Amino acid sequence: MTYSTQNNTKNGLGFWKVLGVIAVALIALIIIGPLLKGLFWLALFALAIYGGYMLFRSSRSRNHTNGSV
Protein backbone atom coordinates (compact mmCIF):
# COMPACT_ATOMS: atom_id res chain seq x y z
CA MET A 1 0.00 0.00 0.00
CA THR A 2 1.45 3.28 -1.10
CA TYR A 3 -0.11 6.63 -0.38
CA SER A 4 0.38 9.72 -2.44
CA THR A 5 1.81 12.65 -0.49
CA GLN A 6 0.22 15.14 -2.91
CA ASN A 7 -3.26 14.02 -1.94
CA ASN A 8 -2.57 14.49 1.78
CA THR A 9 -1.06 17.94 1.16
CA LYS A 10 -4.15 19.10 -0.77
CA ASN A 11 -6.47 17.87 1.97
CA GLY A 12 -4.34 19.58 4.60
CA LEU A 13 -4.39 22.88 2.72
CA GLY A 14 -8.14 22.61 2.23
CA PHE A 15 -8.63 22.15 5.96
CA TRP A 16 -6.48 25.21 6.76
CA LYS A 17 -8.33 27.29 4.16
CA VAL A 18 -11.70 26.38 5.67
CA LEU A 19 -10.38 27.02 9.17
CA GLY A 20 -9.00 30.39 8.03
CA VAL A 21 -12.31 31.41 6.47
CA ILE A 22 -14.17 30.47 9.66
CA ALA A 23 -11.67 32.41 11.79
CA VAL A 24 -11.96 35.50 9.57
CA ALA A 25 -15.76 35.28 9.66
CA LEU A 26 -15.79 35.05 13.46
CA ILE A 27 -13.40 37.98 13.82
CA ALA A 28 -15.54 40.03 11.42
CA LEU A 29 -18.66 39.23 13.47
CA ILE A 30 -16.87 40.23 16.68
CA ILE A 31 -15.94 43.58 15.15
CA ILE A 32 -19.09 44.28 13.12
CA GLY A 33 -21.63 42.97 15.68
CA PRO A 34 -21.42 45.85 18.19
CA LEU A 35 -21.17 48.33 15.32
CA LEU A 36 -24.44 47.07 13.82
CA LYS A 37 -26.06 47.06 17.26
CA GLY A 38 -25.17 50.72 17.73
CA LEU A 39 -26.27 51.63 14.22
CA PHE A 40 -29.60 49.89 14.80
CA TRP A 41 -30.45 52.18 17.72
CA LEU A 42 -29.22 55.22 15.80
CA ALA A 43 -31.42 54.27 12.83
CA LEU A 44 -34.39 53.68 15.13
CA PHE A 45 -33.92 57.12 16.70
CA ALA A 46 -33.63 58.74 13.26
CA LEU A 47 -36.79 56.97 12.11
CA ALA A 48 -38.68 58.26 15.17
CA ILE A 49 -37.48 61.82 14.46
CA TYR A 50 -38.46 61.51 10.79
CA GLY A 51 -41.90 60.13 11.70
CA GLY A 52 -42.48 62.97 14.14
CA TYR A 53 -41.47 65.51 11.50
CA MET A 54 -43.85 63.96 8.95
CA LEU A 55 -46.72 64.04 11.47
CA PHE A 56 -45.97 67.68 12.26
CA ARG A 57 -45.79 68.57 8.57
CA SER A 58 -49.04 66.78 7.70
CA SER A 59 -50.95 68.41 10.56
CA ARG A 60 -49.55 71.81 9.62
CA SER A 61 -50.53 71.44 5.95
CA ARG A 62 -54.01 70.32 6.99
CA ASN A 63 -54.46 73.45 9.11
CA HIS A 64 -53.41 75.71 6.22
CA THR A 65 -55.93 74.18 3.81
CA ASN A 66 -58.79 74.36 6.37
CA GLY A 67 -57.98 77.94 7.34
CA SER A 68 -57.98 79.32 3.76
CA VAL A 69 -61.37 77.76 2.80
PDB file of N, CA and C in Angstrom:
ATOM      1  N   MET A   1       0.834  -1.176   0.000  1.00  0.00           N
ATOM      2  CA  MET A   1       0.000   0.000   0.000  1.00  0.00           C
ATOM      3  C   MET A   1       0.880   1.241   0.000  1.00  0.00           C
ATOM      4  N   THR A   2       0.719   2.009  -1.043  1.00  0.00           N
ATOM      5  CA  THR A   2       1.452   3.280  -1.099  1.00  0.00           C
ATOM      6  C   THR A   2       0.447   4.417  -1.152  1.00  0.00           C
ATOM      7  N   TYR A   3       0.751   5.453  -0.417  1.00  0.00           N
ATOM      8  CA  TYR A   3      -0.112   6.630  -0.385  1.00  0.00           C
ATOM      9  C   TYR A   3       0.588   7.784  -1.077  1.00  0.00           C
ATOM     10  N   SER A   4      -0.179   8.556  -1.768  1.00  0.00           N
ATOM     11  CA  SER A   4       0.375   9.724  -2.445  1.00  0.00           C
ATOM     12  C   SER A   4       0.477  10.879  -1.448  1.00  0.00           C
ATOM     13  N   THR A   5       1.647  11.520  -1.402  1.00  0.00           N
ATOM     14  CA  THR A   5       1.813  12.653  -0.493  1.00  0.00           C
ATOM     15  C   THR A   5       1.121  13.888  -1.035  1.00  0.00           C
ATOM     16  N   GLN A   6       0.901  13.982  -2.336  1.00  0.00           N
ATOM     17  CA  GLN A   6       0.219  15.137  -2.911  1.00  0.00           C
ATOM     18  C   GLN A   6      -1.231  15.203  -2.448  1.00  0.00           C
ATOM     19  N   ASN A   7      -1.870  14.061  -2.363  1.00  0.00           N
ATOM     20  CA  ASN A   7      -3.264  14.025  -1.944  1.00  0.00           C
ATOM     21  C   ASN A   7      -3.405  14.508  -0.501  1.00  0.00           C
ATOM     22  N   ASN A   8      -2.505  14.071   0.370  1.00  0.00           N
ATOM     23  CA  ASN A   8      -2.569  14.494   1.775  1.00  0.00           C
ATOM     24  C   ASN A   8      -2.285  15.984   1.913  1.00  0.00           C
ATOM     25  N   THR A   9      -1.380  16.516   1.092  1.00  0.00           N
ATOM     26  CA  THR A   9      -1.062  17.936   1.156  1.00  0.00           C
ATOM     27  C   THR A   9      -2.274  18.763   0.732  1.00  0.00           C
ATOM     28  N   LYS A  10      -2.970  18.355  -0.309  1.00  0.00           N
ATOM     29  CA  LYS A  10      -4.146  19.097  -0.768  1.00  0.00           C
ATOM     30  C   LYS A  10      -5.233  19.085   0.291  1.00  0.00           C
ATOM     31  N   ASN A  11      -5.451  17.934   0.925  1.00  0.00           N
ATOM     32  CA  ASN A  11      -6.469  17.868   1.968  1.00  0.00           C
ATOM     33  C   ASN A  11      -6.085  18.738   3.158  1.00  0.00           C
ATOM     34  N   GLY A  12      -4.806  18.751   3.499  1.00  0.00           N
ATOM     35  CA  GLY A  12      -4.343  19.579   4.602  1.00  0.00           C
ATOM     36  C   GLY A  12      -4.526  21.049   4.310  1.00  0.00           C
ATOM     37  N   LEU A  13      -4.212  21.486   3.096  1.00  0.00           N
ATOM     38  CA  LEU A  13      -4.389  22.884   2.724  1.00  0.00           C
ATOM     39  C   LEU A  13      -5.860  23.261   2.695  1.00  0.00           C
ATOM     40  N   GLY A  14      -6.705  22.351   2.247  1.00  0.00           N
ATOM     41  CA  GLY A  14      -8.136  22.615   2.231  1.00  0.00           C
ATOM     42  C   GLY A  14      -8.679  22.818   3.631  1.00  0.00           C
ATOM     43  N   PHE A  15      -8.204  22.002   4.572  1.00  0.00           N
ATOM     44  CA  PHE A  15      -8.625  22.147   5.962  1.00  0.00           C
ATOM     45  C   PHE A  15      -8.210  23.505   6.509  1.00  0.00           C
ATOM     46  N   TRP A  16      -6.969  23.932   6.236  1.00  0.00           N
ATOM     47  CA  TRP A  16      -6.481  25.211   6.758  1.00  0.00           C
ATOM     48  C   TRP A  16      -7.196  26.382   6.091  1.00  0.00           C
ATOM     49  N   LYS A  17      -7.563  26.225   4.833  1.00  0.00           N
ATOM     50  CA  LYS A  17      -8.330  27.289   4.165  1.00  0.00           C
ATOM     51  C   LYS A  17      -9.706  27.444   4.804  1.00  0.00           C
ATOM     52  N   VAL A  18     -10.370  26.336   5.042  1.00  0.00           N
ATOM     53  CA  VAL A  18     -11.697  26.381   5.670  1.00  0.00           C
ATOM     54  C   VAL A  18     -11.579  26.946   7.080  1.00  0.00           C
ATOM     55  N   LEU A  19     -10.581  26.505   7.822  1.00  0.00           N
ATOM     56  CA  LEU A  19     -10.379  27.018   9.173  1.00  0.00           C
ATOM     57  C   LEU A  19     -10.076  28.514   9.153  1.00  0.00           C
ATOM     58  N   GLY A  20      -9.301  28.967   8.175  1.00  0.00           N
ATOM     59  CA  GLY A  20      -8.996  30.390   8.033  1.00  0.00           C
ATOM     60  C   GLY A  20     -10.228  31.207   7.702  1.00  0.00           C
ATOM     61  N   VAL A  21     -11.073  30.699   6.831  1.00  0.00           N
ATOM     62  CA  VAL A  21     -12.309  31.405   6.466  1.00  0.00           C
ATOM     63  C   VAL A  21     -13.229  31.512   7.682  1.00  0.00           C
ATOM     64  N   ILE A  22     -13.338  30.440   8.454  1.00  0.00           N
ATOM     65  CA  ILE A  22     -14.174  30.465   9.658  1.00  0.00           C
ATOM     66  C   ILE A  22     -13.616  31.457  10.669  1.00  0.00           C
ATOM     67  N   ALA A  23     -12.296  31.478  10.841  1.00  0.00           N
ATOM     68  CA  ALA A  23     -11.674  32.407  11.790  1.00  0.00           C
ATOM     69  C   ALA A  23     -11.896  33.854  11.356  1.00  0.00           C
ATOM     70  N   VAL A  24     -11.736  34.135  10.073  1.00  0.00           N
ATOM     71  CA  VAL A  24     -11.958  35.496   9.574  1.00  0.00           C
ATOM     72  C   VAL A  24     -13.419  35.902   9.747  1.00  0.00           C
ATOM     73  N   ALA A  25     -14.336  34.980   9.496  1.00  0.00           N
ATOM     74  CA  ALA A  25     -15.761  35.282   9.660  1.00  0.00           C
ATOM     75  C   ALA A  25     -16.093  35.579  11.120  1.00  0.00           C
ATOM     76  N   LEU A  26     -15.533  34.809  12.039  1.00  0.00           N
ATOM     77  CA  LEU A  26     -15.793  35.051  13.457  1.00  0.00           C
ATOM     78  C   LEU A  26     -15.204  36.378  13.914  1.00  0.00           C
ATOM     79  N   ILE A  27     -14.007  36.698  13.463  1.00  0.00           N
ATOM     80  CA  ILE A  27     -13.396  37.980  13.820  1.00  0.00           C
ATOM     81  C   ILE A  27     -14.220  39.132  13.257  1.00  0.00           C
ATOM     82  N   ALA A  28     -14.708  38.986  12.026  1.00  0.00           N
ATOM     83  CA  ALA A  28     -15.544  40.026  11.421  1.00  0.00           C
ATOM     84  C   ALA A  28     -16.835  40.206  12.218  1.00  0.00           C
ATOM     85  N   LEU A  29     -17.441  39.124  12.668  1.00  0.00           N
ATOM     86  CA  LEU A  29     -18.663  39.231  13.469  1.00  0.00           C
ATOM     87  C   LEU A  29     -18.386  39.895  14.815  1.00  0.00           C
ATOM     88  N   ILE A  30     -17.224  39.608  15.396  1.00  0.00           N
ATOM     89  CA  ILE A  30     -16.872  40.226  16.677  1.00  0.00           C
ATOM     90  C   ILE A  30     -16.721  41.731  16.510  1.00  0.00           C
ATOM     91  N   ILE A  31     -16.162  42.161  15.394  1.00  0.00           N
ATOM     92  CA  ILE A  31     -15.941  43.584  15.153  1.00  0.00           C
ATOM     93  C   ILE A  31     -17.224  44.267  14.682  1.00  0.00           C
ATOM     94  N   ILE A  32     -17.929  43.657  13.750  1.00  0.00           N
ATOM     95  CA  ILE A  32     -19.092  44.285  13.121  1.00  0.00           C
ATOM     96  C   ILE A  32     -20.345  44.188  13.999  1.00  0.00           C
ATOM     97  N   GLY A  33     -20.445  43.171  14.844  1.00  0.00           N
ATOM     98  CA  GLY A  33     -21.632  42.972  15.676  1.00  0.00           C
ATOM     99  C   GLY A  33     -21.992  44.181  16.523  1.00  0.00           C
ATOM    100  N   PRO A  34     -21.084  44.661  17.380  1.00  0.00           N
ATOM    101  CA  PRO A  34     -21.415  45.846  18.187  1.00  0.00           C
ATOM    102  C   PRO A  34     -21.662  47.089  17.342  1.00  0.00           C
ATOM    103  N   LEU A  35     -20.966  47.193  16.218  1.00  0.00           N
ATOM    104  CA  LEU A  35     -21.173  48.329  15.325  1.00  0.00           C
ATOM    105  C   LEU A  35     -22.597  48.328  14.775  1.00  0.00           C
ATOM    106  N   LEU A  36     -23.069  47.177  14.335  1.00  0.00           N
ATOM    107  CA  LEU A  36     -24.440  47.073  13.824  1.00  0.00           C
ATOM    108  C   LEU A  36     -25.461  47.296  14.928  1.00  0.00           C
ATOM    109  N   LYS A  37     -25.145  46.856  16.137  1.00  0.00           N
ATOM    110  CA  LYS A  37     -26.059  47.058  17.260  1.00  0.00           C
ATOM    111  C   LYS A  37     -26.212  48.553  17.547  1.00  0.00           C
ATOM    112  N   GLY A  38     -25.118  49.279  17.520  1.00  0.00           N
ATOM    113  CA  GLY A  38     -25.174  50.725  17.732  1.00  0.00           C
ATOM    114  C   GLY A  38     -25.885  51.431  16.604  1.00  0.00           C
ATOM    115  N   LEU A  39     -25.615  51.008  15.370  1.00  0.00           N
ATOM    116  CA  LEU A  39     -26.268  51.632  14.219  1.00  0.00           C
ATOM    117  C   LEU A  39     -27.761  51.352  14.203  1.00  0.00           C
ATOM    118  N   PHE A  40     -28.177  50.209  14.731  1.00  0.00           N
ATOM    119  CA  PHE A  40     -29.598  49.894  14.799  1.00  0.00           C
ATOM    120  C   PHE A  40     -30.334  50.915  15.659  1.00  0.00           C
ATOM    121  N   TRP A  41     -29.787  51.226  16.836  1.00  0.00           N
ATOM    122  CA  TRP A  41     -30.447  52.184  17.717  1.00  0.00           C
ATOM    123  C   TRP A  41     -30.400  53.582  17.133  1.00  0.00           C
ATOM    124  N   LEU A  42     -29.316  53.916  16.454  1.00  0.00           N
ATOM    125  CA  LEU A  42     -29.222  55.215  15.797  1.00  0.00           C
ATOM    126  C   LEU A  42     -30.272  55.333  14.687  1.00  0.00           C
ATOM    127  N   ALA A  43     -30.420  54.269  13.902  1.00  0.00           N
ATOM    128  CA  ALA A  43     -31.417  54.272  12.826  1.00  0.00           C
ATOM    129  C   ALA A  43     -32.836  54.328  13.394  1.00  0.00           C
ATOM    130  N   LEU A  44     -33.076  53.646  14.502  1.00  0.00           N
ATOM    131  CA  LEU A  44     -34.392  53.677  15.131  1.00  0.00           C
ATOM    132  C   LEU A  44     -34.718  55.082  15.634  1.00  0.00           C
ATOM    133  N   PHE A  45     -33.747  55.746  16.233  1.00  0.00           N
ATOM    134  CA  PHE A  45     -33.922  57.119  16.704  1.00  0.00           C
ATOM    135  C   PHE A  45     -34.191  58.057  15.528  1.00  0.00           C
ATOM    136  N   ALA A  46     -33.428  57.897  14.436  1.00  0.00           N
ATOM    137  CA  ALA A  46     -33.625  58.740  13.257  1.00  0.00           C
ATOM    138  C   ALA A  46     -35.001  58.511  12.644  1.00  0.00           C
ATOM    139  N   LEU A  47     -35.463  57.278  12.644  1.00  0.00           N
ATOM    140  CA  LEU A  47     -36.793  56.966  12.112  1.00  0.00           C
ATOM    141  C   LEU A  47     -37.891  57.610  12.964  1.00  0.00           C
ATOM    142  N   ALA A  48     -37.703  57.615  14.279  1.00  0.00           N
ATOM    143  CA  ALA A  48     -38.677  58.265  15.166  1.00  0.00           C
ATOM    144  C   ALA A  48     -38.705  59.770  14.921  1.00  0.00           C
ATOM    145  N   ILE A  49     -37.547  60.385  14.742  1.00  0.00           N
ATOM    146  CA  ILE A  49     -37.484  61.823  14.455  1.00  0.00           C
ATOM    147  C   ILE A  49     -38.151  62.125  13.119  1.00  0.00           C
ATOM    148  N   TYR A  50     -37.868  61.316  12.109  1.00  0.00           N
ATOM    149  CA  TYR A  50     -38.461  61.511  10.789  1.00  0.00           C
ATOM    150  C   TYR A  50     -39.987  61.346  10.843  1.00  0.00           C
ATOM    151  N   GLY A  51     -40.460  60.332  11.572  1.00  0.00           N
ATOM    152  CA  GLY A  51     -41.897  60.125  11.703  1.00  0.00           C
ATOM    153  C   GLY A  51     -42.579  61.293  12.406  1.00  0.00           C
ATOM    154  N   GLY A  52     -41.934  61.803  13.452  1.00  0.00           N
ATOM    155  CA  GLY A  52     -42.481  62.965  14.138  1.00  0.00           C
ATOM    156  C   GLY A  52     -42.527  64.182  13.237  1.00  0.00           C
ATOM    157  N   TYR A  53     -41.507  64.386  12.440  1.00  0.00           N
ATOM    158  CA  TYR A  53     -41.475  65.509  11.496  1.00  0.00           C
ATOM    159  C   TYR A  53     -42.580  65.374  10.459  1.00  0.00           C
ATOM    160  N   MET A  54     -42.789  64.171   9.948  1.00  0.00           N
ATOM    161  CA  MET A  54     -43.846  63.956   8.953  1.00  0.00           C
ATOM    162  C   MET A  54     -45.231  64.199   9.557  1.00  0.00           C
ATOM    163  N   LEU A  55     -45.437  63.777  10.804  1.00  0.00           N
ATOM    164  CA  LEU A  55     -46.720  64.044  11.466  1.00  0.00           C
ATOM    165  C   LEU A  55     -46.925  65.543  11.659  1.00  0.00           C
ATOM    166  N   PHE A  56     -45.887  66.237  12.077  1.00  0.00           N
ATOM    167  CA  PHE A  56     -45.970  67.681  12.259  1.00  0.00           C
ATOM    168  C   PHE A  56     -46.276  68.379  10.939  1.00  0.00           C
ATOM    169  N   ARG A  57     -45.592  67.952   9.877  1.00  0.00           N
ATOM    170  CA  ARG A  57     -45.791  68.570   8.570  1.00  0.00           C
ATOM    171  C   ARG A  57     -47.189  68.307   8.029  1.00  0.00           C
ATOM    172  N   SER A  58     -47.698  67.082   8.219  1.00  0.00           N
ATOM    173  CA  SER A  58     -49.039  66.776   7.703  1.00  0.00           C
ATOM    174  C   SER A  58     -50.109  67.528   8.485  1.00  0.00           C
ATOM    175  N   SER A  59     -49.952  67.672   9.793  1.00  0.00           N
ATOM    176  CA  SER A  59     -50.954  68.410  10.563  1.00  0.00           C
ATOM    177  C   SER A  59     -50.887  69.901  10.240  1.00  0.00           C
ATOM    178  N   ARG A  60     -49.712  70.397   9.956  1.00  0.00           N
ATOM    179  CA  ARG A  60     -49.554  71.809   9.616  1.00  0.00           C
ATOM    180  C   ARG A  60     -50.164  72.114   8.246  1.00  0.00           C
ATOM    181  N   SER A  61     -49.957  71.211   7.280  1.00  0.00           N
ATOM    182  CA  SER A  61     -50.528  71.442   5.946  1.00  0.00           C
ATOM    183  C   SER A  61     -52.050  71.307   5.974  1.00  0.00           C
ATOM    184  N   ARG A  62     -52.565  70.468   6.848  1.00  0.00           N
ATOM    185  CA  ARG A  62     -54.015  70.316   6.989  1.00  0.00           C
ATOM    186  C   ARG A  62     -54.625  71.586   7.570  1.00  0.00           C
ATOM    187  N   ASN A  63     -53.951  72.211   8.509  1.00  0.00           N
ATOM    188  CA  ASN A  63     -54.461  73.452   9.105  1.00  0.00           C
ATOM    189  C   ASN A  63     -54.449  74.588   8.105  1.00  0.00           C
ATOM    190  N   HIS A  64     -53.465  74.637   7.242  1.00  0.00           N
ATOM    191  CA  HIS A  64     -53.409  75.709   6.223  1.00  0.00           C
ATOM    192  C   HIS A  64     -54.540  75.565   5.206  1.00  0.00           C
ATOM    193  N   THR A  65     -54.870  74.372   4.802  1.00  0.00           N
ATOM    194  CA  THR A  65     -55.931  74.177   3.813  1.00  0.00           C
ATOM    195  C   THR A  65     -57.295  74.468   4.431  1.00  0.00           C
ATOM    196  N   ASN A  66     -57.504  74.097   5.709  1.00  0.00           N
ATOM    197  CA  ASN A  66     -58.786  74.362   6.367  1.00  0.00           C
ATOM    198  C   ASN A  66     -58.955  75.839   6.668  1.00  0.00           C
ATOM    199  N   GLY A  67     -57.885  76.552   6.997  1.00  0.00           N
ATOM    200  CA  GLY A  67     -57.980  77.945   7.342  1.00  0.00           C
ATOM    201  C   GLY A  67     -58.242  78.840   6.145  1.00  0.00           C
ATOM    202  N   SER A  68     -57.806  78.463   4.954  1.00  0.00           N
ATOM    203  CA  SER A  68     -57.984  79.320   3.763  1.00  0.00           C
ATOM    204  C   SER A  68     -59.333  79.098   3.086  1.00  0.00           C
ATOM    205  N   VAL A  69     -60.084  78.038   3.444  1.00  0.00           N
ATOM    206  CA  VAL A  69     -61.366  77.756   2.798  1.00  0.00           C
ATOM    207  C   VAL A  69     -62.491  78.438   3.439  1.00  0.00           C
TER     208      VAL A  69
END
